[in-house]
Amino acid sequence: MRFLVIATIVFLGSISCHPQESAQYRACMEKAKAQMSMNSCAADEFKRADSEMNGVYQRLLSLAEKDPKATAKIKAAERAWILYRDAYMEALYPAEDKQLAYGSIYPMEYAEFQTALTREHTKALRDLIKQYDDEGQ
């Protein structure tokens, strides 16, 4: 019985559970043969997530533009989030010489964490849009 429980845990842990990954990222990683290629795939995925977030942010601003106070607060919140994201990433990887401390996988991990934070923030922006959009999104 104990073997079955351990085997189940190992099997479930081996399944890729990254719903935030795009099809482009998965395809890129499948083709990647070296760490440098994987780093590039992760950087491209972050760019996609960042672009999506910026689009949602612009939509939010356009919906809130009727209320200058709301627009100012949204912009302040976005600036604060960027400061938080950057500080969080520095706390996650505090070493001065990051490449030396964290190795060749560092750029990939950094981009993956940034992507995850960005996707979470995009979801929060979408939730905020509901305050200003009668149709929601």
C-alpha atoms as a PDB file:
ATOM      1  CA  MET A   1       0.000   0.000   0.000  1.00  0.00           C
ATOM      2  CA  ARG A   2       2.792   2.401   0.910  1.00  0.00           C
ATOM      3  CA  PHE A   3       4.457   1.734  -2.468  1.00  0.00           C
ATOM      4  CA  LEU A   4       1.209   2.627  -4.261  1.00  0.00           C
ATOM      5  CA  VAL A   5       0.933   5.939  -2.407  1.00  0.00           C
ATOM      6  CA  ILE A   6       4.554   6.832  -3.185  1.00  0.00           C
ATOM      7  CA  ALA A   7       4.158   5.810  -6.838  1.00  0.00           C
ATOM      8  CA  THR A   8       1.018   7.943  -7.130  1.00  0.00           C
ATOM      9  CA  ILE A   9       2.767  10.962  -5.615  1.00  0.00           C
ATOM     10  CA  VAL A  10       5.742  10.558  -7.952  1.00  0.00           C
ATOM     11  CA  PHE A  11       3.473  10.161 -10.971  1.00  0.00           C
ATOM     12  CA  LEU A  12       1.351  13.206 -10.127  1.00  0.00           C
ATOM     13  CA  GLY A  13       4.460  15.248  -9.439  1.00  0.00           C
ATOM     14  CA  SER A  14       5.888  14.364 -12.831  1.00  0.00           C
ATOM     15  CA  ILE A  15       2.894  15.697 -14.742  1.00  0.00           C
ATOM     16  CA  SER A  16       3.477  19.177 -16.095  1.00  0.00           C
ATOM     17  CA  CYS A  17       0.998  21.415 -14.316  1.00  0.00           C
ATOM     18  CA  HIS A  18       1.686  24.789 -15.876  1.00  0.00           C
ATOM     19  CA  PRO A  19      -1.623  26.069 -17.242  1.00  0.00           C
ATOM     20  CA  GLN A  20      -0.083  29.520 -17.559  1.00  0.00           C
ATOM     21  CA  GLU A  21       2.316  28.310 -20.249  1.00  0.00           C
ATOM     22  CA  SER A  22       1.333  29.107 -23.803  1.00  0.00           C
ATOM     23  CA  ALA A  23       1.381  26.629 -26.658  1.00  0.00           C
ATOM     24  CA  GLN A  24       4.255  28.662 -28.158  1.00  0.00           C
ATOM     25  CA  TYR A  25       6.301  28.204 -24.980  1.00  0.00           C
ATOM     26  CA  ARG A  26       5.680  24.455 -24.834  1.00  0.00           C
ATOM     27  CA  ALA A  27       6.589  24.053 -28.523  1.00  0.00           C
ATOM     28  CA  CYS A  28       9.727  26.148 -28.081  1.00  0.00           C
ATOM     29  CA  MET A  29      10.832  24.147 -25.035  1.00  0.00           C
ATOM     30  CA  GLU A  30      10.245  20.862 -26.853  1.00  0.00           C
ATOM     31  CA  LYS A  31      12.636  21.989 -29.604  1.00  0.00           C
ATOM     32  CA  ALA A  32      15.202  23.521 -27.240  1.00  0.00           C
ATOM     33  CA  LYS A  33      18.353  21.405 -27.048  1.00  0.00           C
ATOM     34  CA  ALA A  34      20.511  23.602 -24.813  1.00  0.00           C
ATOM     35  CA  GLN A  35      20.039  25.863 -21.798  1.00  0.00           C
ATOM     36  CA  MET A  36      20.568  28.966 -23.927  1.00  0.00           C
ATOM     37  CA  SER A  37      17.607  27.964 -26.117  1.00  0.00           C
ATOM     38  CA  MET A  38      15.468  27.297 -23.039  1.00  0.00           C
ATOM     39  CA  ASN A  39      16.433  30.712 -21.657  1.00  0.00           C
ATOM     40  CA  SER A  40      15.305  32.263 -24.941  1.00  0.00           C
ATOM     41  CA  CYS A  41      11.983  30.383 -24.848  1.00  0.00           C
ATOM     42  CA  ALA A  42      11.314  31.632 -21.312  1.00  0.00           C
ATOM     43  CA  ALA A  43      12.242  35.217 -22.241  1.00  0.00           C
ATOM     44  CA  ASP A  44       9.865  35.100 -25.208  1.00  0.00           C
ATOM     45  CA  GLU A  45       7.094  33.744 -22.974  1.00  0.00           C
ATOM     46  CA  PHE A  46       7.628  36.636 -20.579  1.00  0.00           C
ATOM     47  CA  LYS A  47       7.381  39.082 -23.503  1.00  0.00           C
ATOM     48  CA  ARG A  48       4.055  37.518 -24.516  1.00  0.00           C
ATOM     49  CA  ALA A  49       2.719  37.733 -20.955  1.00  0.00           C
ATOM     50  CA  ASP A  50       3.950  41.308 -20.575  1.00  0.00           C
ATOM     51  CA  SER A  51       2.367  42.310 -23.876  1.00  0.00           C
ATOM     52  CA  GLU A  52      -0.948  40.756 -22.832  1.00  0.00           C
ATOM     53  CA  MET A  53      -0.790  42.550 -19.471  1.00  0.00           C
ATOM     54  CA  ASN A  54      -0.071  45.875 -21.174  1.00  0.00           C
ATOM     55  CA  GLY A  55      -3.066  45.382 -23.456  1.00  0.00           C
ATOM     56  CA  VAL A  56      -5.353  44.660 -20.503  1.00  0.00           C
ATOM     57  CA  TYR A  57      -3.910  47.669 -18.645  1.00  0.00           C
ATOM     58  CA  GLN A  58      -4.562  49.936 -21.644  1.00  0.00           C
ATOM     59  CA  ARG A  59      -8.134  48.639 -21.853  1.00  0.00           C
ATOM     60  CA  LEU A  60      -8.609  49.376 -18.150  1.00  0.00           C
ATOM     61  CA  LEU A  61      -7.280  52.910 -18.608  1.00  0.00           C
ATOM     62  CA  SER A  62      -9.577  53.524 -21.566  1.00  0.00           C
ATOM     63  CA  LEU A  63     -12.595  52.353 -19.570  1.00  0.00           C
ATOM     64  CA  ALA A  64     -11.652  54.482 -16.553  1.00  0.00           C
ATOM     65  CA  GLU A  65     -10.719  57.624 -18.505  1.00  0.00           C
ATOM     66  CA  LYS A  66     -14.064  59.255 -17.664  1.00  0.00           C
ATOM     67  CA  ASP A  67     -12.922  59.465 -14.048  1.00  0.00           C
ATOM     68  CA  PRO A  68      -9.547  61.257 -13.700  1.00  0.00           C
ATOM     69  CA  LYS A  69      -9.234  60.284 -10.021  1.00  0.00           C
ATOM     70  CA  ALA A  70      -9.710  56.615 -10.852  1.00  0.00           C
ATOM     71  CA  THR A  71      -7.224  56.857 -13.723  1.00  0.00           C
ATOM     72  CA  ALA A  72      -4.620  58.442 -11.419  1.00  0.00           C
ATOM     73  CA  LYS A  73      -5.140  55.699  -8.834  1.00  0.00           C
ATOM     74  CA  ILE A  74      -4.903  52.952 -11.442  1.00  0.00           C
ATOM     75  CA  LYS A  75      -1.634  54.429 -12.724  1.00  0.00           C
ATOM     76  CA  ALA A  76      -0.286  54.698  -9.177  1.00  0.00           C
ATOM     77  CA  ALA A  77      -1.236  51.083  -8.504  1.00  0.00           C
ATOM     78  CA  GLU A  78       0.511  49.974 -11.696  1.00  0.00           C
ATOM     79  CA  ARG A  79       3.710  51.843 -10.766  1.00  0.00           C
ATOM     80  CA  ALA A  80       3.568  50.263  -7.302  1.00  0.00           C
ATOM     81  CA  TRP A  81       3.069  46.816  -8.800  1.00  0.00           C
ATOM     82  CA  ILE A  82       6.121  47.233 -11.040  1.00  0.00           C
ATOM     83  CA  LEU A  83       8.195  48.248  -7.996  1.00  0.00           C
ATOM     84  CA  TYR A  84       6.835  45.247  -6.095  1.00  0.00           C
ATOM     85  CA  ARG A  85       7.578  42.853  -8.973  1.00  0.00           C
ATOM     86  CA  ASP A  86      11.138  44.095  -9.306  1.00  0.00           C
ATOM     87  CA  ALA A  87      11.754  44.019  -5.547  1.00  0.00           C
ATOM     88  CA  TYR A  88      10.259  40.530  -5.310  1.00  0.00           C
ATOM     89  CA  MET A  89      12.537  39.286  -8.067  1.00  0.00           C
ATOM     90  CA  GLU A  90      15.551  40.811  -6.309  1.00  0.00           C
ATOM     91  CA  ALA A  91      14.521  39.127  -3.055  1.00  0.00           C
ATOM     92  CA  LEU A  92      14.151  35.838  -4.888  1.00  0.00           C
ATOM     93  CA  TYR A  93      17.627  36.180  -6.392  1.00  0.00           C
ATOM     94  CA  PRO A  94      19.610  38.386  -3.983  1.00  0.00           C
ATOM     95  CA  ALA A  95      23.161  37.460  -5.045  1.00  0.00           C
ATOM     96  CA  GLU A  96      25.220  40.206  -6.628  1.00  0.00           C
ATOM     97  CA  ASP A  97      26.656  37.939  -9.337  1.00  0.00           C
ATOM     98  CA  LYS A  98      23.502  36.092 -10.271  1.00  0.00           C
ATOM     99  CA  GLN A  99      24.981  33.973 -13.046  1.00  0.00           C
ATOM    100  CA  LEU A 100      27.713  32.710 -10.729  1.00  0.00           C
ATOM    101  CA  ALA A 101      25.345  32.120  -7.817  1.00  0.00           C
ATOM    102  CA  TYR A 102      22.438  30.536  -9.697  1.00  0.00           C
ATOM    103  CA  GLY A 103      24.049  29.072 -12.794  1.00  0.00           C
ATOM    104  CA  SER A 104      23.055  28.893 -16.428  1.00  0.00           C
ATOM    105  CA  ILE A 105      19.434  28.137 -15.558  1.00  0.00           C
ATOM    106  CA  TYR A 106      19.052  31.531 -13.853  1.00  0.00           C
ATOM    107  CA  PRO A 107      17.777  33.486 -16.901  1.00  0.00           C
ATOM    108  CA  MET A 108      15.118  30.847 -17.569  1.00  0.00           C
ATOM    109  CA  GLU A 109      13.953  30.675 -13.952  1.00  0.00           C
ATOM    110  CA  TYR A 110      13.936  34.463 -13.678  1.00  0.00           C
ATOM    111  CA  ALA A 111      11.789  34.799 -16.804  1.00  0.00           C
ATOM    112  CA  GLU A 112       9.440  32.039 -15.639  1.00  0.00           C
ATOM    113  CA  PHE A 113       8.882  33.707 -12.259  1.00  0.00           C
ATOM    114  CA  GLN A 114       8.373  37.090 -13.926  1.00  0.00           C
ATOM    115  CA  THR A 115       5.882  35.501 -16.289  1.00  0.00           C
ATOM    116  CA  ALA A 116       3.943  33.939 -13.413  1.00  0.00           C
ATOM    117  CA  LEU A 117       3.809  37.247 -11.523  1.00  0.00           C
ATOM    118  CA  THR A 118       2.752  39.061 -14.687  1.00  0.00           C
ATOM    119  CA  ARG A 119      -0.032  36.595 -15.409  1.00  0.00           C
ATOM    120  CA  GLU A 120      -1.329  36.933 -11.851  1.00  0.00           C
ATOM    121  CA  HIS A 121      -1.314  40.706 -12.248  1.00  0.00           C
ATOM    122  CA  THR A 122      -3.092  40.465 -15.607  1.00  0.00           C
ATOM    123  CA  LYS A 123      -5.848  38.496 -13.894  1.00  0.00           C
ATOM    124  CA  ALA A 124      -6.100  41.204 -11.216  1.00  0.00           C
ATOM    125  CA  LEU A 125      -6.338  43.887 -13.915  1.00  0.00           C
ATOM    126  CA  ARG A 126      -9.104  41.917 -15.625  1.00  0.00           C
ATOM    127  CA  ASP A 127     -10.949  41.756 -12.313  1.00  0.00           C
ATOM    128  CA  LEU A 128     -10.545  45.527 -11.975  1.00  0.00           C
ATOM    129  CA  ILE A 129     -11.924  46.032 -15.479  1.00  0.00           C
ATOM    130  CA  LYS A 130     -15.216  44.613 -14.233  1.00  0.00           C
ATOM    131  CA  GLN A 131     -15.569  47.760 -12.081  1.00  0.00           C
ATOM    132  CA  TYR A 132     -15.564  49.937 -15.179  1.00  0.00           C
ATOM    133  CA  ASP A 133     -17.017  47.750 -17.900  1.00  0.00           C
ATOM    134  CA  ASP A 134     -20.698  46.906 -17.904  1.00  0.00           C
ATOM    135  CA  GLU A 135     -20.050  43.915 -20.146  1.00  0.00           C
ATOM    136  CA  GLY A 136     -17.041  42.651 -18.150  1.00  0.00           C
ATOM    137  CA  GLN A 137     -14.365  40.841 -20.105  1.00  0.00           C
END
